[in-house]
Amino acid sequence: MAARAKPTKSAVPIFRRMLASHDLSLMAARSHGEPAGQIAAREMEVIRIKGALQRAEELSDDLATAIEEAL
């Protein structure tokens, strides 16, 4: 199982780059006819990244600072 990314404000740009990269990979997989199981795994990863990005974006600055200082 992959390590879970920490939803912190400073991670927002990283999550955005990851999402863009995974979206491109998913589109390529679909266009190349990858097996359904592999496409489903890619879709799940995109959903996971979107969730982490949303959580990071929703953090207030005060809470984000407290979380990052605790890490």
PDB file of N, CA and C in Angstrom:
ATOM      1  N   MET A   1       0.846  -1.178   0.000  1.00  0.00           N
ATOM      2  CA  MET A   1       0.000   0.000   0.000  1.00  0.00           C
ATOM      3  C   MET A   1       0.887   1.236   0.000  1.00  0.00           C
ATOM      4  N   ALA A   2       0.528   2.224  -0.802  1.00  0.00           N
ATOM      5  CA  ALA A   2       1.313   3.453  -0.911  1.00  0.00           C
ATOM      6  C   ALA A   2       1.114   4.311   0.329  1.00  0.00           C
ATOM      7  N   ALA A   3       2.141   5.095   0.643  1.00  0.00           N
ATOM      8  CA  ALA A   3       2.036   6.013   1.763  1.00  0.00           C
ATOM      9  C   ALA A   3       1.016   7.090   1.435  1.00  0.00           C
ATOM     10  N   ARG A   4       0.290   7.512   2.450  1.00  0.00           N
ATOM     11  CA  ARG A   4      -0.712   8.556   2.241  1.00  0.00           C
ATOM     12  C   ARG A   4      -0.049   9.918   2.316  1.00  0.00           C
ATOM     13  N   ALA A   5      -0.368  10.777   1.370  1.00  0.00           N
ATOM     14  CA  ALA A   5       0.176  12.133   1.341  1.00  0.00           C
ATOM     15  C   ALA A   5      -0.495  12.960   2.424  1.00  0.00           C
ATOM     16  N   LYS A   6       0.270  13.839   3.022  1.00  0.00           N
ATOM     17  CA  LYS A   6      -0.243  14.714   4.068  1.00  0.00           C
ATOM     18  C   LYS A   6      -0.954  15.910   3.445  1.00  0.00           C
ATOM     19  N   PRO A   7      -2.221  16.154   3.815  1.00  0.00           N
ATOM     20  CA  PRO A   7      -2.935  17.300   3.258  1.00  0.00           C
ATOM     21  C   PRO A   7      -2.556  18.596   3.979  1.00  0.00           C
ATOM     22  N   THR A   8      -1.510  19.238   3.542  1.00  0.00           N
ATOM     23  CA  THR A   8      -1.093  20.519   4.107  1.00  0.00           C
ATOM     24  C   THR A   8      -1.188  21.586   3.017  1.00  0.00           C
ATOM     25  N   LYS A   9      -1.311  22.833   3.432  1.00  0.00           N
ATOM     26  CA  LYS A   9      -1.413  23.935   2.457  1.00  0.00           C
ATOM     27  C   LYS A   9      -0.217  23.949   1.515  1.00  0.00           C
ATOM     28  N   SER A  10       0.971  23.716   2.058  1.00  0.00           N
ATOM     29  CA  SER A  10       2.167  23.774   1.210  1.00  0.00           C
ATOM     30  C   SER A  10       2.207  22.646   0.187  1.00  0.00           C
ATOM     31  N   ALA A  11       1.386  21.614   0.377  1.00  0.00           N
ATOM     32  CA  ALA A  11       1.361  20.486  -0.560  1.00  0.00           C
ATOM     33  C   ALA A  11       0.429  20.723  -1.747  1.00  0.00           C
ATOM     34  N   VAL A  12      -0.363  21.782  -1.721  1.00  0.00           N
ATOM     35  CA  VAL A  12      -1.330  22.032  -2.796  1.00  0.00           C
ATOM     36  C   VAL A  12      -0.677  22.029  -4.179  1.00  0.00           C
ATOM     37  N   PRO A  13       0.424  22.760  -4.403  1.00  0.00           N
ATOM     38  CA  PRO A  13       1.030  22.729  -5.748  1.00  0.00           C
ATOM     39  C   PRO A  13       1.505  21.327  -6.153  1.00  0.00           C
ATOM     40  N   ILE A  14       1.979  20.572  -5.194  1.00  0.00           N
ATOM     41  CA  ILE A  14       2.438  19.204  -5.474  1.00  0.00           C
ATOM     42  C   ILE A  14       1.253  18.338  -5.880  1.00  0.00           C
ATOM     43  N   PHE A  15       0.148  18.428  -5.129  1.00  0.00           N
ATOM     44  CA  PHE A  15      -1.052  17.657  -5.476  1.00  0.00           C
ATOM     45  C   PHE A  15      -1.574  18.045  -6.852  1.00  0.00           C
ATOM     46  N   ARG A  16      -1.517  19.325  -7.193  1.00  0.00           N
ATOM     47  CA  ARG A  16      -1.987  19.767  -8.518  1.00  0.00           C
ATOM     48  C   ARG A  16      -1.128  19.163  -9.633  1.00  0.00           C
ATOM     49  N   ARG A  17       0.193  19.156  -9.432  1.00  0.00           N
ATOM     50  CA  ARG A  17       1.077  18.543 -10.443  1.00  0.00           C
ATOM     51  C   ARG A  17       0.827  17.044 -10.543  1.00  0.00           C
ATOM     52  N   MET A  18       0.658  16.393  -9.396  1.00  0.00           N
ATOM     53  CA  MET A  18       0.374  14.958  -9.405  1.00  0.00           C
ATOM     54  C   MET A  18      -0.927  14.668 -10.142  1.00  0.00           C
ATOM     55  N   LEU A  19      -1.944  15.479  -9.866  1.00  0.00           N
ATOM     56  CA  LEU A  19      -3.241  15.272 -10.505  1.00  0.00           C
ATOM     57  C   LEU A  19      -3.137  15.440 -12.018  1.00  0.00           C
ATOM     58  N   ALA A  20      -2.457  16.473 -12.461  1.00  0.00           N
ATOM     59  CA  ALA A  20      -2.282  16.693 -13.899  1.00  0.00           C
ATOM     60  C   ALA A  20      -1.567  15.504 -14.548  1.00  0.00           C
ATOM     61  N   SER A  21      -0.513  15.026 -13.900  1.00  0.00           N
ATOM     62  CA  SER A  21       0.249  13.897 -14.426  1.00  0.00           C
ATOM     63  C   SER A  21      -0.603  12.627 -14.490  1.00  0.00           C
ATOM     64  N   HIS A  22      -1.338  12.358 -13.420  1.00  0.00           N
ATOM     65  CA  HIS A  22      -2.164  11.155 -13.392  1.00  0.00           C
ATOM     66  C   HIS A  22      -3.337  11.244 -14.363  1.00  0.00           C
ATOM     67  N   ASP A  23      -3.894  12.436 -14.538  1.00  0.00           N
ATOM     68  CA  ASP A  23      -4.962  12.603 -15.529  1.00  0.00           C
ATOM     69  C   ASP A  23      -4.449  12.281 -16.936  1.00  0.00           C
ATOM     70  N   LEU A  24      -3.252  12.771 -17.256  1.00  0.00           N
ATOM     71  CA  LEU A  24      -2.664  12.471 -18.569  1.00  0.00           C
ATOM     72  C   LEU A  24      -2.415  10.976 -18.738  1.00  0.00           C
ATOM     73  N   SER A  25      -1.900  10.342 -17.696  1.00  0.00           N
ATOM     74  CA  SER A  25      -1.650   8.894 -17.750  1.00  0.00           C
ATOM     75  C   SER A  25      -2.946   8.116 -17.937  1.00  0.00           C
ATOM     76  N   LEU A  26      -3.990   8.564 -17.266  1.00  0.00           N
ATOM     77  CA  LEU A  26      -5.284   7.900 -17.394  1.00  0.00           C
ATOM     78  C   LEU A  26      -5.830   8.044 -18.814  1.00  0.00           C
ATOM     79  N   MET A  27      -5.735   9.235 -19.379  1.00  0.00           N
ATOM     80  CA  MET A  27      -6.205   9.432 -20.753  1.00  0.00           C
ATOM     81  C   MET A  27      -5.398   8.572 -21.731  1.00  0.00           C
ATOM     82  N   ALA A  28      -4.090   8.500 -21.518  1.00  0.00           N
ATOM     83  CA  ALA A  28      -3.253   7.674 -22.390  1.00  0.00           C
ATOM     84  C   ALA A  28      -3.615   6.201 -22.256  1.00  0.00           C
ATOM     85  N   ALA A  29      -3.855   5.760 -21.034  1.00  0.00           N
ATOM     86  CA  ALA A  29      -4.223   4.360 -20.802  1.00  0.00           C
ATOM     87  C   ALA A  29      -5.521   4.016 -21.520  1.00  0.00           C
ATOM     88  N   ARG A  30      -6.473   4.924 -21.438  1.00  0.00           N
ATOM     89  CA  ARG A  30      -7.750   4.683 -22.124  1.00  0.00           C
ATOM     90  C   ARG A  30      -7.559   4.633 -23.639  1.00  0.00           C
ATOM     91  N   SER A  31      -6.753   5.557 -24.171  1.00  0.00           N
ATOM     92  CA  SER A  31      -6.585   5.607 -25.619  1.00  0.00           C
ATOM     93  C   SER A  31      -5.767   4.433 -26.145  1.00  0.00           C
ATOM     94  N   HIS A  32      -4.927   3.849 -25.304  1.00  0.00           N
ATOM     95  CA  HIS A  32      -4.117   2.700 -25.711  1.00  0.00           C
ATOM     96  C   HIS A  32      -4.790   1.367 -25.404  1.00  0.00           C
ATOM     97  N   GLY A  33      -5.996   1.428 -24.862  1.00  0.00           N
ATOM     98  CA  GLY A  33      -6.743   0.206 -24.611  1.00  0.00           C
ATOM     99  C   GLY A  33      -6.176  -0.660 -23.509  1.00  0.00           C
ATOM    100  N   GLU A  34      -5.647  -0.049 -22.452  1.00  0.00           N
ATOM    101  CA  GLU A  34      -5.145  -0.836 -21.321  1.00  0.00           C
ATOM    102  C   GLU A  34      -6.289  -1.648 -20.726  1.00  0.00           C
ATOM    103  N   PRO A  35      -5.975  -2.746 -20.066  1.00  0.00           N
ATOM    104  CA  PRO A  35      -7.022  -3.565 -19.442  1.00  0.00           C
ATOM    105  C   PRO A  35      -7.846  -2.749 -18.435  1.00  0.00           C
ATOM    106  N   ALA A  36      -9.104  -3.130 -18.292  1.00  0.00           N
ATOM    107  CA  ALA A  36     -10.040  -2.402 -17.425  1.00  0.00           C
ATOM    108  C   ALA A  36      -9.534  -2.299 -15.991  1.00  0.00           C
ATOM    109  N   GLY A  37      -8.887  -3.330 -15.496  1.00  0.00           N
ATOM    110  CA  GLY A  37      -8.379  -3.307 -14.125  1.00  0.00           C
ATOM    111  C   GLY A  37      -7.309  -2.250 -13.923  1.00  0.00           C
ATOM    112  N   GLN A  38      -6.458  -2.090 -14.905  1.00  0.00           N
ATOM    113  CA  GLN A  38      -5.410  -1.068 -14.810  1.00  0.00           C
ATOM    114  C   GLN A  38      -6.003   0.329 -14.909  1.00  0.00           C
ATOM    115  N   ILE A  39      -6.994   0.490 -15.754  1.00  0.00           N
ATOM    116  CA  ILE A  39      -7.657   1.791 -15.868  1.00  0.00           C
ATOM    117  C   ILE A  39      -8.383   2.112 -14.567  1.00  0.00           C
ATOM    118  N   ALA A  40      -9.050   1.126 -13.989  1.00  0.00           N
ATOM    119  CA  ALA A  40      -9.751   1.343 -12.713  1.00  0.00           C
ATOM    120  C   ALA A  40      -8.765   1.749 -11.618  1.00  0.00           C
ATOM    121  N   ALA A  41      -7.602   1.128 -11.589  1.00  0.00           N
ATOM    122  CA  ALA A  41      -6.589   1.490 -10.591  1.00  0.00           C
ATOM    123  C   ALA A  41      -6.125   2.925 -10.793  1.00  0.00           C
ATOM    124  N   ARG A  42      -5.956   3.328 -12.039  1.00  0.00           N
ATOM    125  CA  ARG A  42      -5.560   4.718 -12.337  1.00  0.00           C
ATOM    126  C   ARG A  42      -6.664   5.688 -11.919  1.00  0.00           C
ATOM    127  N   GLU A  43      -7.916   5.313 -12.172  1.00  0.00           N
ATOM    128  CA  GLU A  43      -9.046   6.157 -11.777  1.00  0.00           C
ATOM    129  C   GLU A  43      -9.102   6.318 -10.260  1.00  0.00           C
ATOM    130  N   MET A  44      -8.855   5.262  -9.530  1.00  0.00           N
ATOM    131  CA  MET A  44      -8.862   5.329  -8.074  1.00  0.00           C
ATOM    132  C   MET A  44      -7.754   6.244  -7.565  1.00  0.00           C
ATOM    133  N   GLU A  45      -6.599   6.208  -8.199  1.00  0.00           N
ATOM    134  CA  GLU A  45      -5.499   7.076  -7.812  1.00  0.00           C
ATOM    135  C   GLU A  45      -5.842   8.537  -8.065  1.00  0.00           C
ATOM    136  N   VAL A  46      -6.500   8.829  -9.181  1.00  0.00           N
ATOM    137  CA  VAL A  46      -6.924  10.197  -9.478  1.00  0.00           C
ATOM    138  C   VAL A  46      -7.912  10.669  -8.410  1.00  0.00           C
ATOM    139  N   ILE A  47      -8.839   9.825  -8.033  1.00  0.00           N
ATOM    140  CA  ILE A  47      -9.817  10.170  -6.994  1.00  0.00           C
ATOM    141  C   ILE A  47      -9.120  10.433  -5.663  1.00  0.00           C
ATOM    142  N   ARG A  48      -8.134   9.616  -5.322  1.00  0.00           N
ATOM    143  CA  ARG A  48      -7.400   9.785  -4.071  1.00  0.00           C
ATOM    144  C   ARG A  48      -6.657  11.122  -4.062  1.00  0.00           C
ATOM    145  N   ILE A  49      -6.019  11.456  -5.170  1.00  0.00           N
ATOM    146  CA  ILE A  49      -5.278  12.715  -5.254  1.00  0.00           C
ATOM    147  C   ILE A  49      -6.241  13.902  -5.185  1.00  0.00           C
ATOM    148  N   LYS A  50      -7.373  13.802  -5.875  1.00  0.00           N
ATOM    149  CA  LYS A  50      -8.365  14.878  -5.821  1.00  0.00           C
ATOM    150  C   LYS A  50      -8.835  15.110  -4.386  1.00  0.00           C
ATOM    151  N   GLY A  51      -9.038  14.033  -3.645  1.00  0.00           N
ATOM    152  CA  GLY A  51      -9.466  14.156  -2.248  1.00  0.00           C
ATOM    153  C   GLY A  51      -8.416  14.840  -1.395  1.00  0.00           C
ATOM    154  N   ALA A  52      -7.160  14.451  -1.568  1.00  0.00           N
ATOM    155  CA  ALA A  52      -6.069  15.067  -0.814  1.00  0.00           C
ATOM    156  C   ALA A  52      -5.936  16.540  -1.174  1.00  0.00           C
ATOM    157  N   LEU A  53      -6.064  16.854  -2.445  1.00  0.00           N
ATOM    158  CA  LEU A  53      -5.991  18.245  -2.889  1.00  0.00           C
ATOM    159  C   LEU A  53      -7.128  19.061  -2.275  1.00  0.00           C
ATOM    160  N   GLN A  54      -8.324  18.523  -2.295  1.00  0.00           N
ATOM    161  CA  GLN A  54      -9.465  19.226  -1.721  1.00  0.00           C
ATOM    162  C   GLN A  54      -9.260  19.464  -0.230  1.00  0.00           C
ATOM    163  N   ARG A  55      -8.803  18.450   0.502  1.00  0.00           N
ATOM    164  CA  ARG A  55      -8.566  18.624   1.941  1.00  0.00           C
ATOM    165  C   ARG A  55      -7.510  19.686   2.196  1.00  0.00           C
ATOM    166  N   ALA A  56      -6.451  19.684   1.392  1.00  0.00           N
ATOM    167  CA  ALA A  56      -5.376  20.663   1.565  1.00  0.00           C
ATOM    168  C   ALA A  56      -5.872  22.072   1.271  1.00  0.00           C
ATOM    169  N   GLU A  57      -6.679  22.215   0.239  1.00  0.00           N
ATOM    170  CA  GLU A  57      -7.193  23.536  -0.139  1.00  0.00           C
ATOM    171  C   GLU A  57      -8.175  24.075   0.899  1.00  0.00           C
ATOM    172  N   GLU A  58      -8.879  23.181   1.586  1.00  0.00           N
ATOM    173  CA  GLU A  58      -9.887  23.601   2.548  1.00  0.00           C
ATOM    174  C   GLU A  58      -9.310  23.974   3.914  1.00  0.00           C
ATOM    175  N   LEU A  59      -8.046  23.643   4.161  1.00  0.00           N
ATOM    176  CA  LEU A  59      -7.452  23.970   5.455  1.00  0.00           C
ATOM    177  C   LEU A  59      -7.343  25.474   5.633  1.00  0.00           C
ATOM    178  N   SER A  60      -7.706  25.938   6.804  1.00  0.00           N
ATOM    179  CA  SER A  60      -7.474  27.350   7.092  1.00  0.00           C
ATOM    180  C   SER A  60      -5.979  27.551   7.263  1.00  0.00           C
ATOM    181  N   ASP A  61      -5.517  28.762   7.079  1.00  0.00           N
ATOM    182  CA  ASP A  61      -4.090  29.032   7.220  1.00  0.00           C
ATOM    183  C   ASP A  61      -3.587  28.702   8.617  1.00  0.00           C
ATOM    184  N   ASP A  62      -4.371  28.997   9.653  1.00  0.00           N
ATOM    185  CA  ASP A  62      -3.964  28.716  11.030  1.00  0.00           C
ATOM    186  C   ASP A  62      -3.812  27.220  11.266  1.00  0.00           C
ATOM    187  N   LEU A  63      -4.790  26.447  10.813  1.00  0.00           N
ATOM    188  CA  LEU A  63      -4.733  25.003  10.995  1.00  0.00           C
ATOM    189  C   LEU A  63      -3.599  24.410  10.165  1.00  0.00           C
ATOM    190  N   ALA A  64      -3.422  24.904   8.954  1.00  0.00           N
ATOM    191  CA  ALA A  64      -2.349  24.407   8.088  1.00  0.00           C
ATOM    192  C   ALA A  64      -0.986  24.640   8.742  1.00  0.00           C
ATOM    193  N   THR A  65      -0.792  25.812   9.322  1.00  0.00           N
ATOM    194  CA  THR A  65       0.475  26.118   9.988  1.00  0.00           C
ATOM    195  C   THR A  65       0.691  25.186  11.176  1.00  0.00           C
ATOM    196  N   ALA A  66      -0.338  24.958  11.959  1.00  0.00           N
ATOM    197  CA  ALA A  66      -0.229  24.067  13.122  1.00  0.00           C
ATOM    198  C   ALA A  66       0.114  22.651  12.694  1.00  0.00           C
ATOM    199  N   ILE A  67      -0.520  22.156  11.630  1.00  0.00           N
ATOM    200  CA  ILE A  67      -0.237  20.802  11.144  1.00  0.00           C
ATOM    201  C   ILE A  67       1.203  20.703  10.660  1.00  0.00           C
ATOM    202  N   GLU A  68       1.634  21.683   9.864  1.00  0.00           N
ATOM    203  CA  GLU A  68       2.978  21.633   9.306  1.00  0.00           C
ATOM    204  C   GLU A  68       4.045  21.749  10.399  1.00  0.00           C
ATOM    205  N   GLU A  69       3.771  22.512  11.449  1.00  0.00           N
ATOM    206  CA  GLU A  69       4.726  22.618  12.543  1.00  0.00           C
ATOM    207  C   GLU A  69       4.814  21.326  13.338  1.00  0.00           C
ATOM    208  N   ALA A  70       3.713  20.572  13.396  1.00  0.00           N
ATOM    209  CA  ALA A  70       3.695  19.315  14.129  1.00  0.00           C
ATOM    210  C   ALA A  70       4.407  18.198  13.379  1.00  0.00           C
ATOM    211  N   LEU A  71       4.565  18.357  12.086  1.00  0.00           N
ATOM    212  CA  LEU A  71       5.222  17.311  11.285  1.00  0.00           C
ATOM    213  C   LEU A  71       6.670  17.412  11.492  1.00  0.00           C
TER     214      LEU A  71
END
